[in-house]
Amino acid sequence: MPTNEDILSNGLLALCQNDPVIACIVTPRHDAIITLLEQYITRIEIFNPALKLVGTNDRRDLIVKHILDSLSPLGIIACQNKGLHIADIGSGAGFPGIPLAIALPDIQFTLIERKNRRAVFLRNTREALVAGGCNGLSNVTVEEAEMEKVKPGRFSLVTFRALCPLDRKIYKKLSRLCTDGGVLAAYKGRRQKTEDEITALEKVLPFVAGRWKLLPCPVPMLDEERHLLLIKPYCS
């Protein structure tokens, strides 16, 4: 039976086999990425009982449903445009921002979290991984703030995972954070459910039609649909 360390390593290998862009990103730094992810996983396990960061105490579920899930669209996100500054909205335990930042050390990430205890966890995790070497999370900053209070127009890509459905109100709040030409990147599950969500959004914001695409992002060892929704921001 594979160990949890094998599951993480084999999962990364499967992502690389499925996407040559991910392979180009991960392969040269494979050992460093594994080391940093393992440090991050350990910190979640230590603090999860008190902070309720994730809804599982099983390390395999943590690796597959959170770490590998966060990394499944890595190639798509890396290819958006150069000079990215990525915001992770409602970062919580750091998903997807921290796994993406570990894999993409040359891209700046801002983790935005409104809850104090979780923001403190994110800051402490950043400091711990920076101190641990391997260029860990020196590309990350943490902001403790409500989404509505974040300074607008700063990010070339705004990503979010496990946030509420993308309705008109949330779409506008997220859009204001983007630079000109920026992109919203939403982690989504089943295609049909996501398409229904976008259809409902198009009814209240007709210009959204034709400004989005839904890309499959299969997660190794997870028999569930996963997609990344890329959508152009709201224009007032």
Protein backbone atom coordinates (compact mmCIF):
# COMPACT_ATOMS: atom_id res chain seq x y z
CA MET A 1 0.00 0.00 0.00
CA PRO A 2 1.46 3.40 -0.95
CA THR A 3 2.44 5.72 1.87
CA ASN A 4 1.09 9.26 2.08
CA GLU A 5 4.47 10.51 0.86
CA ASP A 6 4.10 8.21 -2.16
CA ILE A 7 0.61 9.58 -2.80
CA LEU A 8 1.95 13.15 -2.90
CA SER A 9 4.90 12.23 -5.14
CA ASN A 10 2.82 9.99 -7.42
CA GLY A 11 0.11 12.65 -7.63
CA LEU A 12 2.61 15.26 -8.78
CA LEU A 13 3.99 12.78 -11.30
CA ALA A 14 0.48 12.15 -12.66
CA LEU A 15 -0.13 15.90 -13.01
CA CYS A 16 3.14 16.18 -14.94
CA GLN A 17 2.17 13.30 -17.22
CA ASN A 18 -1.22 14.89 -17.93
CA ASP A 19 0.13 18.37 -18.69
CA PRO A 20 3.53 19.14 -20.24
CA VAL A 21 3.42 22.69 -18.86
CA ILE A 22 3.11 21.33 -15.33
CA ALA A 23 5.99 18.95 -16.09
CA CYS A 24 8.20 21.88 -17.14
CA ILE A 25 7.34 23.71 -13.91
CA VAL A 26 7.57 20.85 -11.43
CA THR A 27 10.33 18.55 -12.73
CA PRO A 28 13.33 20.90 -12.17
CA ARG A 29 12.22 21.60 -8.56
CA HIS A 30 10.48 18.33 -7.72
CA ASP A 31 12.34 17.61 -4.47
CA ALA A 32 12.04 21.18 -3.17
CA ILE A 33 8.31 21.27 -3.99
CA ILE A 34 7.74 17.96 -2.20
CA THR A 35 9.68 19.18 0.85
CA LEU A 36 7.71 22.42 1.10
CA LEU A 37 4.36 20.73 0.55
CA GLU A 38 5.14 18.20 3.28
CA GLN A 39 6.05 21.02 5.68
CA TYR A 40 2.79 22.76 4.81
CA ILE A 41 0.74 19.58 5.28
CA THR A 42 2.31 19.03 8.69
CA ARG A 43 1.40 22.54 9.81
CA ILE A 44 -2.21 22.07 8.73
CA GLU A 45 -2.38 18.82 10.69
CA ILE A 46 -0.97 20.49 13.80
CA PHE A 47 -3.31 23.47 13.76
CA ASN A 48 -6.43 21.96 12.21
CA PRO A 49 -7.99 20.69 15.47
CA ALA A 50 -8.01 24.23 16.92
CA LEU A 51 -8.61 26.30 13.79
CA LYS A 52 -10.85 23.97 11.73
CA LEU A 53 -8.84 24.73 8.60
CA VAL A 54 -10.06 21.75 6.58
CA GLY A 55 -12.86 19.27 7.03
CA THR A 56 -10.70 16.17 7.24
CA ASN A 57 -8.15 14.64 9.59
CA ASP A 58 -7.09 12.07 6.99
CA ARG A 59 -3.75 12.87 5.38
CA ARG A 60 -4.61 11.11 2.13
CA ASP A 61 -7.75 13.23 1.76
CA LEU A 62 -5.75 16.35 2.58
CA ILE A 63 -3.22 15.53 -0.13
CA VAL A 64 -5.69 14.51 -2.83
CA LYS A 65 -8.69 16.77 -2.19
CA HIS A 66 -6.76 19.89 -1.24
CA ILE A 67 -3.09 19.83 -2.31
CA LEU A 68 -3.44 18.04 -5.66
CA ASP A 69 -6.79 19.72 -6.30
CA SER A 70 -5.13 23.13 -5.84
CA LEU A 71 -2.33 22.17 -8.24
CA SER A 72 -4.47 20.54 -10.94
CA PRO A 73 -4.84 23.79 -13.00
CA LEU A 74 -1.21 24.84 -12.41
CA GLY A 75 -0.35 24.72 -16.11
CA ILE A 76 -3.40 26.80 -17.09
CA ILE A 77 -2.71 29.45 -14.46
CA ALA A 78 1.00 29.66 -15.33
CA CYS A 79 0.15 30.25 -18.99
CA GLN A 80 -2.26 33.15 -18.47
CA ASN A 81 0.25 35.97 -18.94
CA LYS A 82 3.69 36.98 -17.75
CA GLY A 83 4.25 39.18 -14.74
CA LEU A 84 1.31 37.76 -12.83
CA HIS A 85 0.29 39.01 -9.44
CA ILE A 86 -2.22 36.49 -8.17
CA ALA A 87 -4.76 37.04 -5.40
CA ASP A 88 -6.26 34.07 -3.57
CA ILE A 89 -9.60 35.24 -2.18
CA GLY A 90 -10.93 33.62 0.98
CA SER A 91 -7.66 31.73 1.29
CA GLY A 92 -8.58 29.98 4.55
CA ALA A 93 -5.96 27.27 5.07
CA GLY A 94 -4.10 28.57 2.01
CA PHE A 95 -5.87 26.73 -0.82
CA PRO A 96 -5.14 27.10 -3.65
CA GLY A 97 -2.70 29.94 -3.02
CA ILE A 98 0.03 28.22 -1.03
CA PRO A 99 0.45 25.10 -3.23
CA LEU A 100 0.46 27.34 -6.33
CA ALA A 101 2.99 29.72 -4.75
CA ILE A 102 5.24 26.80 -3.83
CA ALA A 103 5.19 25.62 -7.46
CA LEU A 104 5.55 29.14 -8.92
CA PRO A 105 8.20 30.94 -6.83
CA ASP A 106 8.72 33.70 -9.42
CA ILE A 107 5.08 34.83 -9.27
CA GLN A 108 3.76 37.09 -6.52
CA PHE A 109 0.78 35.86 -4.50
CA THR A 110 -1.43 37.73 -2.05
CA LEU A 111 -3.55 35.55 0.23
CA ILE A 112 -6.66 37.43 1.31
CA GLU A 113 -8.44 36.09 4.39
CA ARG A 114 -11.00 37.90 6.55
CA LYS A 115 -10.81 35.66 9.65
CA ASN A 116 -8.06 36.67 12.07
CA ARG A 117 -7.10 33.21 13.29
CA ARG A 118 -6.72 31.89 9.77
CA ALA A 119 -4.80 34.97 8.64
CA VAL A 120 -2.42 34.44 11.55
CA PHE A 121 -2.01 30.79 10.50
CA LEU A 122 -1.19 31.90 6.95
CA ARG A 123 1.38 34.45 8.13
CA ASN A 124 3.02 31.98 10.49
CA THR A 125 3.09 29.32 7.78
CA ARG A 126 4.72 31.74 5.39
CA GLU A 127 7.40 32.59 7.93
CA ALA A 128 8.00 28.93 8.79
CA LEU A 129 8.43 27.90 5.15
CA VAL A 130 10.64 30.89 4.37
CA ALA A 131 12.84 29.97 7.32
CA GLY A 132 12.88 26.35 6.13
CA GLY A 133 14.71 27.25 2.92
CA CYS A 134 14.03 25.96 -0.62
CA ASN A 135 12.79 29.48 -1.48
CA GLY A 136 9.58 28.66 0.38
CA LEU A 137 6.82 31.25 0.18
CA SER A 138 9.05 34.34 -0.03
CA ASN A 139 6.74 35.27 -2.92
CA VAL A 140 3.68 35.41 -0.64
CA THR A 141 2.04 38.17 1.36
CA VAL A 142 -1.06 37.86 3.54
CA GLU A 143 -3.81 40.44 3.90
CA GLU A 144 -6.40 40.15 6.64
CA ALA A 145 -9.38 41.88 5.04
CA GLU A 146 -12.88 41.55 3.71
CA MET A 147 -12.93 41.16 -0.06
CA GLU A 148 -14.83 44.45 -0.36
CA LYS A 149 -12.10 46.36 1.49
CA VAL A 150 -9.13 45.18 -0.58
CA LYS A 151 -7.57 47.93 -2.69
CA PRO A 152 -8.92 47.53 -6.25
CA GLY A 153 -7.16 47.07 -9.56
CA ARG A 154 -4.09 45.26 -8.22
CA PHE A 155 -4.18 41.70 -9.50
CA SER A 156 -3.73 40.22 -12.95
CA LEU A 157 -5.41 37.00 -11.82
CA VAL A 158 -7.89 36.48 -8.99
CA THR A 159 -8.48 32.90 -7.96
CA PHE A 160 -10.87 31.39 -5.47
CA ARG A 161 -11.87 27.92 -4.35
CA ALA A 162 -14.88 26.75 -2.34
CA LEU A 163 -16.32 30.25 -2.45
CA CYS A 164 -20.06 30.83 -2.80
CA PRO A 165 -21.63 30.57 -6.29
CA LEU A 166 -20.53 33.17 -8.81
CA ASP A 167 -23.59 35.40 -8.86
CA ARG A 168 -23.84 39.02 -10.01
CA LYS A 169 -22.85 40.50 -6.63
CA ILE A 170 -19.80 38.26 -6.09
CA TYR A 171 -18.72 38.67 -9.72
CA LYS A 172 -18.63 42.46 -9.41
CA LYS A 173 -16.79 42.35 -6.08
CA LEU A 174 -14.13 40.08 -7.56
CA SER A 175 -13.87 42.00 -10.81
CA ARG A 176 -12.95 45.25 -9.08
CA LEU A 177 -9.76 43.61 -7.81
CA CYS A 178 -8.41 42.91 -11.32
CA THR A 179 -6.06 44.99 -13.40
CA ASP A 180 -7.04 45.88 -16.95
CA GLY A 181 -6.94 42.63 -18.89
CA GLY A 182 -7.05 40.59 -15.69
CA VAL A 183 -8.80 37.26 -15.29
CA LEU A 184 -10.97 35.57 -12.68
CA ALA A 185 -10.08 31.91 -12.14
CA ALA A 186 -12.67 29.91 -10.22
CA TYR A 187 -12.08 26.35 -9.05
CA LYS A 188 -15.23 24.41 -9.90
CA GLY A 189 -16.56 20.86 -9.81
CA ARG A 190 -19.10 19.36 -12.20
CA ARG A 191 -19.32 20.88 -15.67
CA GLN A 192 -23.12 20.90 -15.81
CA LYS A 193 -23.48 22.66 -12.46
CA THR A 194 -20.90 25.28 -13.46
CA GLU A 195 -22.52 25.88 -16.85
CA ASP A 196 -25.87 26.36 -15.10
CA GLU A 197 -24.21 28.90 -12.80
CA ILE A 198 -22.81 30.84 -15.76
CA THR A 199 -26.12 30.70 -17.61
CA ALA A 200 -27.79 32.31 -14.60
CA LEU A 201 -25.07 34.98 -14.50
CA GLU A 202 -25.50 35.73 -18.21
CA LYS A 203 -29.18 36.44 -17.65
CA VAL A 204 -28.38 39.36 -15.33
CA LEU A 205 -25.10 40.37 -17.00
CA PRO A 206 -25.55 39.60 -20.72
CA PHE A 207 -22.08 40.81 -21.68
CA VAL A 208 -20.60 37.80 -19.85
CA ALA A 209 -21.64 35.59 -22.78
CA GLY A 210 -18.56 34.68 -24.80
CA ARG A 211 -16.18 35.99 -22.13
CA TRP A 212 -15.58 32.74 -20.29
CA LYS A 213 -14.20 29.26 -20.80
CA LEU A 214 -14.38 26.12 -18.69
CA LEU A 215 -11.34 23.85 -18.72
CA PRO A 216 -11.13 20.31 -17.27
CA CYS A 217 -8.57 19.84 -14.49
CA PRO A 218 -8.63 16.19 -13.43
CA VAL A 219 -7.16 15.51 -10.00
CA PRO A 220 -5.07 12.33 -9.64
CA MET A 221 -6.70 9.66 -7.47
CA LEU A 222 -9.97 11.62 -7.27
CA ASP A 223 -12.96 10.24 -9.15
CA GLU A 224 -14.80 13.54 -9.32
CA GLU A 225 -15.08 16.24 -11.99
CA ARG A 226 -12.87 19.29 -11.53
CA HIS A 227 -12.73 22.34 -13.78
CA LEU A 228 -11.20 25.81 -13.86
CA LEU A 229 -13.54 28.60 -14.94
CA LEU A 230 -11.69 31.51 -16.57
CA ILE A 231 -13.81 34.60 -16.96
CA LYS A 232 -13.16 38.21 -17.96
CA PRO A 233 -13.87 40.76 -15.22
CA TYR A 234 -16.89 43.02 -15.03
CA CYS A 235 -16.63 46.29 -16.93
CA SER A 236 -18.65 49.15 -15.46
